[in-house]
Amino acid sequence: MRHLDIIRAWKDEEYRLSLSEAERALLPAHPAGLITLTDAELDSVGGGFIGPLIKAALYYVAHRVQTAVDVSKAVFEAGVEAMQNDPDAADAMLRSLS
């Protein structure tokens, strides 16, 4: 088996599975060896420095969304109050939206 075929078999599972049992038996062990991780080990992977960056970005986005929600709520409440105090203005505003 050519070196390129061996490397491809190591890297490409679909290609490796397409080989006959005899061809797979001829493959040398991968130089990195077999790596097995438990679910707990996989869950603990944080991606190095990426984890804190993502956390900071999510905090920033959540803060901006909360601010937008607070502003929208205040504008809505002010609009409701204005409509209750002046029904003619409410009708004019509704006509302008359609």
PDB file of N, CA and C in Angstrom:
ATOM      1  N   MET A   1       0.851  -1.167   0.000  1.00  0.00           N
ATOM      2  CA  MET A   1       0.000   0.000   0.000  1.00  0.00           C
ATOM      3  C   MET A   1       0.900   1.235   0.000  1.00  0.00           C
ATOM      4  N   ARG A   2       0.544   2.228  -0.819  1.00  0.00           N
ATOM      5  CA  ARG A   2       1.352   3.456  -0.911  1.00  0.00           C
ATOM      6  C   ARG A   2       1.209   4.299   0.354  1.00  0.00           C
ATOM      7  N   HIS A   3       2.203   5.112   0.619  1.00  0.00           N
ATOM      8  CA  HIS A   3       2.185   5.972   1.803  1.00  0.00           C
ATOM      9  C   HIS A   3       0.965   6.905   1.790  1.00  0.00           C
ATOM     10  N   LEU A   4       0.645   7.461   0.619  1.00  0.00           N
ATOM     11  CA  LEU A   4      -0.501   8.362   0.532  1.00  0.00           C
ATOM     12  C   LEU A   4      -1.805   7.647   0.851  1.00  0.00           C
ATOM     13  N   ASP A   5      -1.921   6.393   0.442  1.00  0.00           N
ATOM     14  CA  ASP A   5      -3.128   5.620   0.747  1.00  0.00           C
ATOM     15  C   ASP A   5      -3.232   5.337   2.247  1.00  0.00           C
ATOM     16  N   ILE A   6      -2.108   5.085   2.876  1.00  0.00           N
ATOM     17  CA  ILE A   6      -2.096   4.840   4.321  1.00  0.00           C
ATOM     18  C   ILE A   6      -2.539   6.092   5.069  1.00  0.00           C
ATOM     19  N   ILE A   7      -1.973   7.220   4.689  1.00  0.00           N
ATOM     20  CA  ILE A   7      -2.326   8.482   5.344  1.00  0.00           C
ATOM     21  C   ILE A   7      -3.797   8.805   5.115  1.00  0.00           C
ATOM     22  N   ARG A   8      -4.266   8.589   3.896  1.00  0.00           N
ATOM     23  CA  ARG A   8      -5.682   8.842   3.608  1.00  0.00           C
ATOM     24  C   ARG A   8      -6.576   7.933   4.454  1.00  0.00           C
ATOM     25  N   ALA A   9      -6.175   6.693   4.614  1.00  0.00           N
ATOM     26  CA  ALA A   9      -6.956   5.755   5.428  1.00  0.00           C
ATOM     27  C   ALA A   9      -6.985   6.202   6.888  1.00  0.00           C
ATOM     28  N   TRP A  10      -5.891   6.753   7.377  1.00  0.00           N
ATOM     29  CA  TRP A  10      -5.861   7.249   8.748  1.00  0.00           C
ATOM     30  C   TRP A  10      -6.801   8.442   8.923  1.00  0.00           C
ATOM     31  N   LYS A  11      -6.829   9.342   7.926  1.00  0.00           N
ATOM     32  CA  LYS A  11      -7.565  10.597   8.049  1.00  0.00           C
ATOM     33  C   LYS A  11      -9.021  10.509   7.604  1.00  0.00           C
ATOM     34  N   ASP A  12      -9.324   9.639   6.663  1.00  0.00           N
ATOM     35  CA  ASP A  12     -10.642   9.602   6.021  1.00  0.00           C
ATOM     36  C   ASP A  12     -11.365   8.301   6.374  1.00  0.00           C
ATOM     37  N   GLU A  13     -12.284   8.395   7.320  1.00  0.00           N
ATOM     38  CA  GLU A  13     -12.982   7.196   7.784  1.00  0.00           C
ATOM     39  C   GLU A  13     -13.761   6.526   6.651  1.00  0.00           C
ATOM     40  N   GLU A  14     -14.388   7.324   5.807  1.00  0.00           N
ATOM     41  CA  GLU A  14     -15.159   6.746   4.692  1.00  0.00           C
ATOM     42  C   GLU A  14     -14.250   5.938   3.766  1.00  0.00           C
ATOM     43  N   TYR A  15     -13.089   6.488   3.462  1.00  0.00           N
ATOM     44  CA  TYR A  15     -12.129   5.761   2.627  1.00  0.00           C
ATOM     45  C   TYR A  15     -11.656   4.497   3.331  1.00  0.00           C
ATOM     46  N   ARG A  16     -11.339   4.630   4.626  1.00  0.00           N
ATOM     47  CA  ARG A  16     -10.860   3.479   5.389  1.00  0.00           C
ATOM     48  C   ARG A  16     -11.901   2.358   5.387  1.00  0.00           C
ATOM     49  N   LEU A  17     -13.175   2.718   5.563  1.00  0.00           N
ATOM     50  CA  LEU A  17     -14.224   1.704   5.581  1.00  0.00           C
ATOM     51  C   LEU A  17     -14.468   1.094   4.204  1.00  0.00           C
ATOM     52  N   SER A  18     -14.043   1.800   3.140  1.00  0.00           N
ATOM     53  CA  SER A  18     -14.220   1.261   1.793  1.00  0.00           C
ATOM     54  C   SER A  18     -13.158   0.206   1.459  1.00  0.00           C
ATOM     55  N   LEU A  19     -12.102   0.137   2.265  1.00  0.00           N
ATOM     56  CA  LEU A  19     -11.054  -0.860   2.044  1.00  0.00           C
ATOM     57  C   LEU A  19     -11.551  -2.243   2.465  1.00  0.00           C
ATOM     58  N   SER A  20     -11.007  -3.244   1.837  1.00  0.00           N
ATOM     59  CA  SER A  20     -11.358  -4.619   2.224  1.00  0.00           C
ATOM     60  C   SER A  20     -10.739  -4.918   3.595  1.00  0.00           C
ATOM     61  N   GLU A  21     -11.214  -5.970   4.232  1.00  0.00           N
ATOM     62  CA  GLU A  21     -10.649  -6.356   5.533  1.00  0.00           C
ATOM     63  C   GLU A  21      -9.161  -6.653   5.403  1.00  0.00           C
ATOM     64  N   ALA A  22      -8.778  -7.259   4.297  1.00  0.00           N
ATOM     65  CA  ALA A  22      -7.363  -7.582   4.088  1.00  0.00           C
ATOM     66  C   ALA A  22      -6.530  -6.304   3.986  1.00  0.00           C
ATOM     67  N   GLU A  23      -7.059  -5.298   3.265  1.00  0.00           N
ATOM     68  CA  GLU A  23      -6.326  -4.036   3.133  1.00  0.00           C
ATOM     69  C   GLU A  23      -6.242  -3.313   4.482  1.00  0.00           C
ATOM     70  N   ARG A  24      -7.342  -3.328   5.234  1.00  0.00           N
ATOM     71  CA  ARG A  24      -7.322  -2.683   6.558  1.00  0.00           C
ATOM     72  C   ARG A  24      -6.338  -3.387   7.490  1.00  0.00           C
ATOM     73  N   ALA A  25      -6.206  -4.695   7.342  1.00  0.00           N
ATOM     74  CA  ALA A  25      -5.271  -5.451   8.184  1.00  0.00           C
ATOM     75  C   ALA A  25      -3.829  -5.060   7.889  1.00  0.00           C
ATOM     76  N   LEU A  26      -3.559  -4.600   6.673  1.00  0.00           N
ATOM     77  CA  LEU A  26      -2.202  -4.185   6.298  1.00  0.00           C
ATOM     78  C   LEU A  26      -1.851  -2.784   6.790  1.00  0.00           C
ATOM     79  N   LEU A  27      -2.853  -2.021   7.215  1.00  0.00           N
ATOM     80  CA  LEU A  27      -2.579  -0.652   7.653  1.00  0.00           C
ATOM     81  C   LEU A  27      -1.772  -0.662   8.949  1.00  0.00           C
ATOM     82  N   PRO A  28      -0.701   0.117   9.000  1.00  0.00           N
ATOM     83  CA  PRO A  28       0.025   0.240  10.261  1.00  0.00           C
ATOM     84  C   PRO A  28      -0.791   1.093  11.240  1.00  0.00           C
ATOM     85  N   ALA A  29      -0.478   0.960  12.504  1.00  0.00           N
ATOM     86  CA  ALA A  29      -1.171   1.768  13.512  1.00  0.00           C
ATOM     87  C   ALA A  29      -0.887   3.248  13.271  1.00  0.00           C
ATOM     88  N   HIS A  30      -1.856   4.076  13.560  1.00  0.00           N
ATOM     89  CA  HIS A  30      -1.676   5.519  13.427  1.00  0.00           C
ATOM     90  C   HIS A  30      -0.584   5.963  14.407  1.00  0.00           C
ATOM     91  N   PRO A  31       0.334   6.819  13.980  1.00  0.00           N
ATOM     92  CA  PRO A  31       1.446   7.209  14.857  1.00  0.00           C
ATOM     93  C   PRO A  31       0.994   7.911  16.143  1.00  0.00           C
ATOM     94  N   ALA A  32      -0.154   8.558  16.124  1.00  0.00           N
ATOM     95  CA  ALA A  32      -0.640   9.231  17.333  1.00  0.00           C
ATOM     96  C   ALA A  32      -1.252   8.241  18.309  1.00  0.00           C
ATOM     97  N   GLY A  33      -1.533   7.044  17.843  1.00  0.00           N
ATOM     98  CA  GLY A  33      -2.141   6.035  18.705  1.00  0.00           C
ATOM     99  C   GLY A  33      -3.636   6.245  18.834  1.00  0.00           C
ATOM    100  N   LEU A  34      -4.263   5.398  19.612  1.00  0.00           N
ATOM    101  CA  LEU A  34      -5.695   5.460  19.842  1.00  0.00           C
ATOM    102  C   LEU A  34      -5.970   6.410  20.993  1.00  0.00           C
ATOM    103  N   ILE A  35      -6.874   7.338  20.766  1.00  0.00           N
ATOM    104  CA  ILE A  35      -7.229   8.304  21.807  1.00  0.00           C
ATOM    105  C   ILE A  35      -8.688   8.077  22.162  1.00  0.00           C
ATOM    106  N   THR A  36      -8.938   7.853  23.440  1.00  0.00           N
ATOM    107  CA  THR A  36     -10.298   7.651  23.915  1.00  0.00           C
ATOM    108  C   THR A  36     -10.568   8.639  25.040  1.00  0.00           C
ATOM    109  N   LEU A  37     -11.629   9.423  24.894  1.00  0.00           N
ATOM    110  CA  LEU A  37     -12.016  10.380  25.921  1.00  0.00           C
ATOM    111  C   LEU A  37     -13.402  10.036  26.430  1.00  0.00           C
ATOM    112  N   THR A  38     -13.595  10.182  27.723  1.00  0.00           N
ATOM    113  CA  THR A  38     -14.912   9.941  28.299  1.00  0.00           C
ATOM    114  C   THR A  38     -15.798  11.153  28.027  1.00  0.00           C
ATOM    115  N   ASP A  39     -17.104  10.995  28.219  1.00  0.00           N
ATOM    116  CA  ASP A  39     -18.020  12.122  28.060  1.00  0.00           C
ATOM    117  C   ASP A  39     -17.678  13.244  29.034  1.00  0.00           C
ATOM    118  N   ALA A  40     -17.293  12.880  30.242  1.00  0.00           N
ATOM    119  CA  ALA A  40     -16.929  13.889  31.240  1.00  0.00           C
ATOM    120  C   ALA A  40     -15.709  14.698  30.781  1.00  0.00           C
ATOM    121  N   GLU A  41     -14.727  14.016  30.194  1.00  0.00           N
ATOM    122  CA  GLU A  41     -13.543  14.721  29.689  1.00  0.00           C
ATOM    123  C   GLU A  41     -13.913  15.646  28.540  1.00  0.00           C
ATOM    124  N   LEU A  42     -14.779  15.184  27.654  1.00  0.00           N
ATOM    125  CA  LEU A  42     -15.202  16.022  26.531  1.00  0.00           C
ATOM    126  C   LEU A  42     -16.008  17.227  27.007  1.00  0.00           C
ATOM    127  N   ASP A  43     -16.846  17.034  28.029  1.00  0.00           N
ATOM    128  CA  ASP A  43     -17.646  18.137  28.569  1.00  0.00           C
ATOM    129  C   ASP A  43     -16.785  19.195  29.231  1.00  0.00           C
ATOM    130  N   SER A  44     -15.619  18.795  29.751  1.00  0.00           N
ATOM    131  CA  SER A  44     -14.773  19.743  30.466  1.00  0.00           C
ATOM    132  C   SER A  44     -13.906  20.580  29.531  1.00  0.00           C
ATOM    133  N   VAL A  45     -13.886  20.265  28.251  1.00  0.00           N
ATOM    134  CA  VAL A  45     -13.061  21.016  27.306  1.00  0.00           C
ATOM    135  C   VAL A  45     -13.655  22.404  27.141  1.00  0.00           C
ATOM    136  N   GLY A  46     -12.829  23.419  27.347  1.00  0.00           N
ATOM    137  CA  GLY A  46     -13.310  24.788  27.263  1.00  0.00           C
ATOM    138  C   GLY A  46     -12.811  25.528  26.054  1.00  0.00           C
ATOM    139  N   GLY A  47     -11.943  24.948  25.298  1.00  0.00           N
ATOM    140  CA  GLY A  47     -11.438  25.634  24.114  1.00  0.00           C
ATOM    141  C   GLY A  47     -10.384  26.675  24.416  1.00  0.00           C
ATOM    142  N   GLY A  48      -9.631  26.485  25.473  1.00  0.00           N
ATOM    143  CA  GLY A  48      -8.567  27.427  25.793  1.00  0.00           C
ATOM    144  C   GLY A  48      -9.126  28.781  26.169  1.00  0.00           C
ATOM    145  N   PHE A  49      -8.686  29.828  25.487  1.00  0.00           N
ATOM    146  CA  PHE A  49      -9.094  31.190  25.808  1.00  0.00           C
ATOM    147  C   PHE A  49     -10.450  31.533  25.209  1.00  0.00           C
ATOM    148  N   ILE A  50     -10.976  30.700  24.344  1.00  0.00           N
ATOM    149  CA  ILE A  50     -12.248  30.966  23.684  1.00  0.00           C
ATOM    150  C   ILE A  50     -13.384  31.053  24.711  1.00  0.00           C
ATOM    151  N   GLY A  51     -13.385  30.161  25.712  1.00  0.00           N
ATOM    152  CA  GLY A  51     -14.455  30.132  26.706  1.00  0.00           C
ATOM    153  C   GLY A  51     -14.711  31.489  27.348  1.00  0.00           C
ATOM    154  N   PRO A  52     -13.677  32.138  27.931  1.00  0.00           N
ATOM    155  CA  PRO A  52     -13.894  33.456  28.537  1.00  0.00           C
ATOM    156  C   PRO A  52     -14.355  34.509  27.530  1.00  0.00           C
ATOM    157  N   LEU A  53     -13.864  34.425  26.295  1.00  0.00           N
ATOM    158  CA  LEU A  53     -14.288  35.397  25.286  1.00  0.00           C
ATOM    159  C   LEU A  53     -15.762  35.233  24.950  1.00  0.00           C
ATOM    160  N   ILE A  54     -16.194  33.989  24.807  1.00  0.00           N
ATOM    161  CA  ILE A  54     -17.602  33.734  24.509  1.00  0.00           C
ATOM    162  C   ILE A  54     -18.466  34.199  25.670  1.00  0.00           C
ATOM    163  N   LYS A  55     -18.037  33.917  26.886  1.00  0.00           N
ATOM    164  CA  LYS A  55     -18.795  34.334  28.068  1.00  0.00           C
ATOM    165  C   LYS A  55     -18.935  35.861  28.102  1.00  0.00           C
ATOM    166  N   ALA A  56     -17.856  36.560  27.824  1.00  0.00           N
ATOM    167  CA  ALA A  56     -17.896  38.026  27.814  1.00  0.00           C
ATOM    168  C   ALA A  56     -18.808  38.540  26.705  1.00  0.00           C
ATOM    169  N   ALA A  57     -18.735  37.918  25.531  1.00  0.00           N
ATOM    170  CA  ALA A  57     -19.583  38.344  24.415  1.00  0.00           C
ATOM    171  C   ALA A  57     -21.053  38.107  24.727  1.00  0.00           C
ATOM    172  N   LEU A  58     -21.375  36.960  25.326  1.00  0.00           N
ATOM    173  CA  LEU A  58     -22.764  36.672  25.684  1.00  0.00           C
ATOM    174  C   LEU A  58     -23.275  37.646  26.741  1.00  0.00           C
ATOM    175  N   TYR A  59     -22.430  37.984  27.706  1.00  0.00           N
ATOM    176  CA  TYR A  59     -22.821  38.956  28.729  1.00  0.00           C
ATOM    177  C   TYR A  59     -23.120  40.303  28.073  1.00  0.00           C
ATOM    178  N   TYR A  60     -22.252  40.723  27.158  1.00  0.00           N
ATOM    179  CA  TYR A  60     -22.433  42.005  26.465  1.00  0.00           C
ATOM    180  C   TYR A  60     -23.745  42.010  25.681  1.00  0.00           C
ATOM    181  N   VAL A  61     -23.990  40.938  24.915  1.00  0.00           N
ATOM    182  CA  VAL A  61     -25.219  40.858  24.114  1.00  0.00           C
ATOM    183  C   VAL A  61     -26.445  40.845  25.018  1.00  0.00           C
ATOM    184  N   ALA A  62     -26.397  40.065  26.099  1.00  0.00           N
ATOM    185  CA  ALA A  62     -27.537  39.994  27.019  1.00  0.00           C
ATOM    186  C   ALA A  62     -27.823  41.368  27.624  1.00  0.00           C
ATOM    187  N   HIS A  63     -26.763  42.090  27.975  1.00  0.00           N
ATOM    188  CA  HIS A  63     -26.940  43.433  28.548  1.00  0.00           C
ATOM    189  C   HIS A  63     -27.574  44.368  27.523  1.00  0.00           C
ATOM    190  N   ARG A  64     -27.112  44.297  26.270  1.00  0.00           N
ATOM    191  CA  ARG A  64     -27.669  45.165  25.217  1.00  0.00           C
ATOM    192  C   ARG A  64     -29.126  44.817  24.935  1.00  0.00           C
ATOM    193  N   VAL A  65     -29.452  43.526  24.925  1.00  0.00           N
ATOM    194  CA  VAL A  65     -30.834  43.101  24.690  1.00  0.00           C
ATOM    195  C   VAL A  65     -31.716  43.580  25.837  1.00  0.00           C
ATOM    196  N   GLN A  66     -31.243  43.418  27.074  1.00  0.00           N
ATOM    197  CA  GLN A  66     -32.038  43.863  28.223  1.00  0.00           C
ATOM    198  C   GLN A  66     -32.276  45.369  28.159  1.00  0.00           C
ATOM    199  N   THR A  67     -31.275  46.130  27.755  1.00  0.00           N
ATOM    200  CA  THR A  67     -31.430  47.574  27.630  1.00  0.00           C
ATOM    201  C   THR A  67     -32.479  47.899  26.568  1.00  0.00           C
ATOM    202  N   ALA A  68     -32.418  47.206  25.433  1.00  0.00           N
ATOM    203  CA  ALA A  68     -33.401  47.439  24.372  1.00  0.00           C
ATOM    204  C   ALA A  68     -34.808  47.086  24.839  1.00  0.00           C
ATOM    205  N   VAL A  69     -34.942  45.999  25.588  1.00  0.00           N
ATOM    206  CA  VAL A  69     -36.248  45.593  26.120  1.00  0.00           C
ATOM    207  C   VAL A  69     -36.761  46.653  27.087  1.00  0.00           C
ATOM    208  N   ASP A  70     -35.905  47.149  27.963  1.00  0.00           N
ATOM    209  CA  ASP A  70     -36.311  48.168  28.927  1.00  0.00           C
ATOM    210  C   ASP A  70     -36.784  49.440  28.221  1.00  0.00           C
ATOM    211  N   VAL A  71     -36.040  49.862  27.187  1.00  0.00           N
ATOM    212  CA  VAL A  71     -36.418  51.061  26.434  1.00  0.00           C
ATOM    213  C   VAL A  71     -37.738  50.829  25.708  1.00  0.00           C
ATOM    214  N   SER A  72     -37.885  49.679  25.070  1.00  0.00           N
ATOM    215  CA  SER A  72     -39.126  49.377  24.348  1.00  0.00           C
ATOM    216  C   SER A  72     -40.315  49.358  25.294  1.00  0.00           C
ATOM    217  N   LYS A  73     -40.126  48.787  26.461  1.00  0.00           N
ATOM    218  CA  LYS A  73     -41.203  48.723  27.449  1.00  0.00           C
ATOM    219  C   LYS A  73     -41.596  50.133  27.893  1.00  0.00           C
ATOM    220  N   ALA A  74     -40.611  50.987  28.139  1.00  0.00           N
ATOM    221  CA  ALA A  74     -40.891  52.361  28.569  1.00  0.00           C
ATOM    222  C   ALA A  74     -41.633  53.133  27.477  1.00  0.00           C
ATOM    223  N   VAL A  75     -41.205  52.968  26.222  1.00  0.00           N
ATOM    224  CA  VAL A  75     -41.864  53.647  25.103  1.00  0.00           C
ATOM    225  C   VAL A  75     -43.293  53.143  24.954  1.00  0.00           C
ATOM    226  N   PHE A  76     -43.489  51.826  25.067  1.00  0.00           N
ATOM    227  CA  PHE A  76     -44.824  51.240  24.958  1.00  0.00           C
ATOM    228  C   PHE A  76     -45.745  51.778  26.053  1.00  0.00           C
ATOM    229  N   GLU A  77     -45.233  51.770  27.289  1.00  0.00           N
ATOM    230  CA  GLU A  77     -46.048  52.250  28.411  1.00  0.00           C
ATOM    231  C   GLU A  77     -46.397  53.722  28.255  1.00  0.00           C
ATOM    232  N   ALA A  78     -45.444  54.519  27.774  1.00  0.00           N
ATOM    233  CA  ALA A  78     -45.724  55.942  27.552  1.00  0.00           C
ATOM    234  C   ALA A  78     -46.771  56.110  26.445  1.00  0.00           C
ATOM    235  N   GLY A  79     -46.673  55.274  25.415  1.00  0.00           N
ATOM    236  CA  GLY A  79     -47.657  55.334  24.335  1.00  0.00           C
ATOM    237  C   GLY A  79     -49.043  54.953  24.798  1.00  0.00           C
ATOM    238  N   VAL A  80     -49.136  53.919  25.607  1.00  0.00           N
ATOM    239  CA  VAL A  80     -50.435  53.492  26.152  1.00  0.00           C
ATOM    240  C   VAL A  80     -51.037  54.612  27.004  1.00  0.00           C
ATOM    241  N   GLU A  81     -50.207  55.209  27.851  1.00  0.00           N
ATOM    242  CA  GLU A  81     -50.695  56.291  28.702  1.00  0.00           C
ATOM    243  C   GLU A  81     -51.174  57.472  27.864  1.00  0.00           C
ATOM    244  N   ALA A  82     -50.411  57.818  26.825  1.00  0.00           N
ATOM    245  CA  ALA A  82     -50.799  58.931  25.955  1.00  0.00           C
ATOM    246  C   ALA A  82     -52.120  58.631  25.251  1.00  0.00           C
ATOM    247  N   MET A  83     -52.309  57.381  24.795  1.00  0.00           N
ATOM    248  CA  MET A  83     -53.549  57.021  24.115  1.00  0.00           C
ATOM    249  C   MET A  83     -54.736  57.064  25.065  1.00  0.00           C
ATOM    250  N   GLN A  84     -54.511  56.675  26.312  1.00  0.00           N
ATOM    251  CA  GLN A  84     -55.603  56.704  27.292  1.00  0.00           C
ATOM    252  C   GLN A  84     -56.003  58.134  27.617  1.00  0.00           C
ATOM    253  N   ASN A  85     -55.024  59.040  27.604  1.00  0.00           N
ATOM    254  CA  ASN A  85     -55.303  60.436  27.931  1.00  0.00           C
ATOM    255  C   ASN A  85     -55.894  61.199  26.756  1.00  0.00           C
ATOM    256  N   ASP A  86     -55.596  60.791  25.536  1.00  0.00           N
ATOM    257  CA  ASP A  86     -56.079  61.513  24.349  1.00  0.00           C
ATOM    258  C   ASP A  86     -56.486  60.507  23.278  1.00  0.00           C
ATOM    259  N   PRO A  87     -57.750  60.031  23.305  1.00  0.00           N
ATOM    260  CA  PRO A  87     -58.205  59.032  22.331  1.00  0.00           C
ATOM    261  C   PRO A  87     -58.090  59.495  20.884  1.00  0.00           C
ATOM    262  N   ASP A  88     -58.268  60.799  20.627  1.00  0.00           N
ATOM    263  CA  ASP A  88     -58.156  61.300  19.243  1.00  0.00           C
ATOM    264  C   ASP A  88     -56.727  61.128  18.724  1.00  0.00           C
ATOM    265  N   ALA A  89     -55.755  61.386  19.574  1.00  0.00           N
ATOM    266  CA  ALA A  89     -54.347  61.210  19.191  1.00  0.00           C
ATOM    267  C   ALA A  89     -54.070  59.731  18.922  1.00  0.00           C
ATOM    268  N   ALA A  90     -54.673  58.836  19.717  1.00  0.00           N
ATOM    269  CA  ALA A  90     -54.500  57.393  19.507  1.00  0.00           C
ATOM    270  C   ALA A  90     -55.056  56.988  18.152  1.00  0.00           C
ATOM    271  N   ASP A  91     -56.251  57.505  17.805  1.00  0.00           N
ATOM    272  CA  ASP A  91     -56.841  57.176  16.491  1.00  0.00           C
ATOM    273  C   ASP A  91     -55.955  57.698  15.358  1.00  0.00           C
ATOM    274  N   ALA A  92     -55.431  58.917  15.494  1.00  0.00           N
ATOM    275  CA  ALA A  92     -54.555  59.486  14.462  1.00  0.00           C
ATOM    276  C   ALA A  92     -53.288  58.644  14.299  1.00  0.00           C
ATOM    277  N   MET A  93     -52.733  58.190  15.431  1.00  0.00           N
ATOM    278  CA  MET A  93     -51.519  57.382  15.366  1.00  0.00           C
ATOM    279  C   MET A  93     -51.807  56.046  14.683  1.00  0.00           C
ATOM    280  N   LEU A  94     -52.921  55.399  15.010  1.00  0.00           N
ATOM    281  CA  LEU A  94     -53.262  54.131  14.394  1.00  0.00           C
ATOM    282  C   LEU A  94     -53.505  54.281  12.891  1.00  0.00           C
ATOM    283  N   ARG A  95     -54.130  55.405  12.501  1.00  0.00           N
ATOM    284  CA  ARG A  95     -54.356  55.637  11.048  1.00  0.00           C
ATOM    285  C   ARG A  95     -53.022  55.833  10.329  1.00  0.00           C
ATOM    286  N   SER A  96     -52.060  56.471  10.995  1.00  0.00           N
ATOM    287  CA  SER A  96     -50.756  56.714  10.338  1.00  0.00           C
ATOM    288  C   SER A  96     -49.955  55.421  10.149  1.00  0.00           C
ATOM    289  N   LEU A  97     -50.252  54.412  10.961  1.00  0.00           N
ATOM    290  CA  LEU A  97     -49.535  53.136  10.849  1.00  0.00           C
ATOM    291  C   LEU A  97     -50.072  52.264   9.737  1.00  0.00           C
ATOM    292  N   SER A  98     -51.303  52.490   9.303  1.00  0.00           N
ATOM    293  CA  SER A  98     -51.884  51.612   8.283  1.00  0.00           C
ATOM    294  C   SER A  98     -51.646  52.111   6.891  1.00  0.00           C
TER     295      SER A  98
END
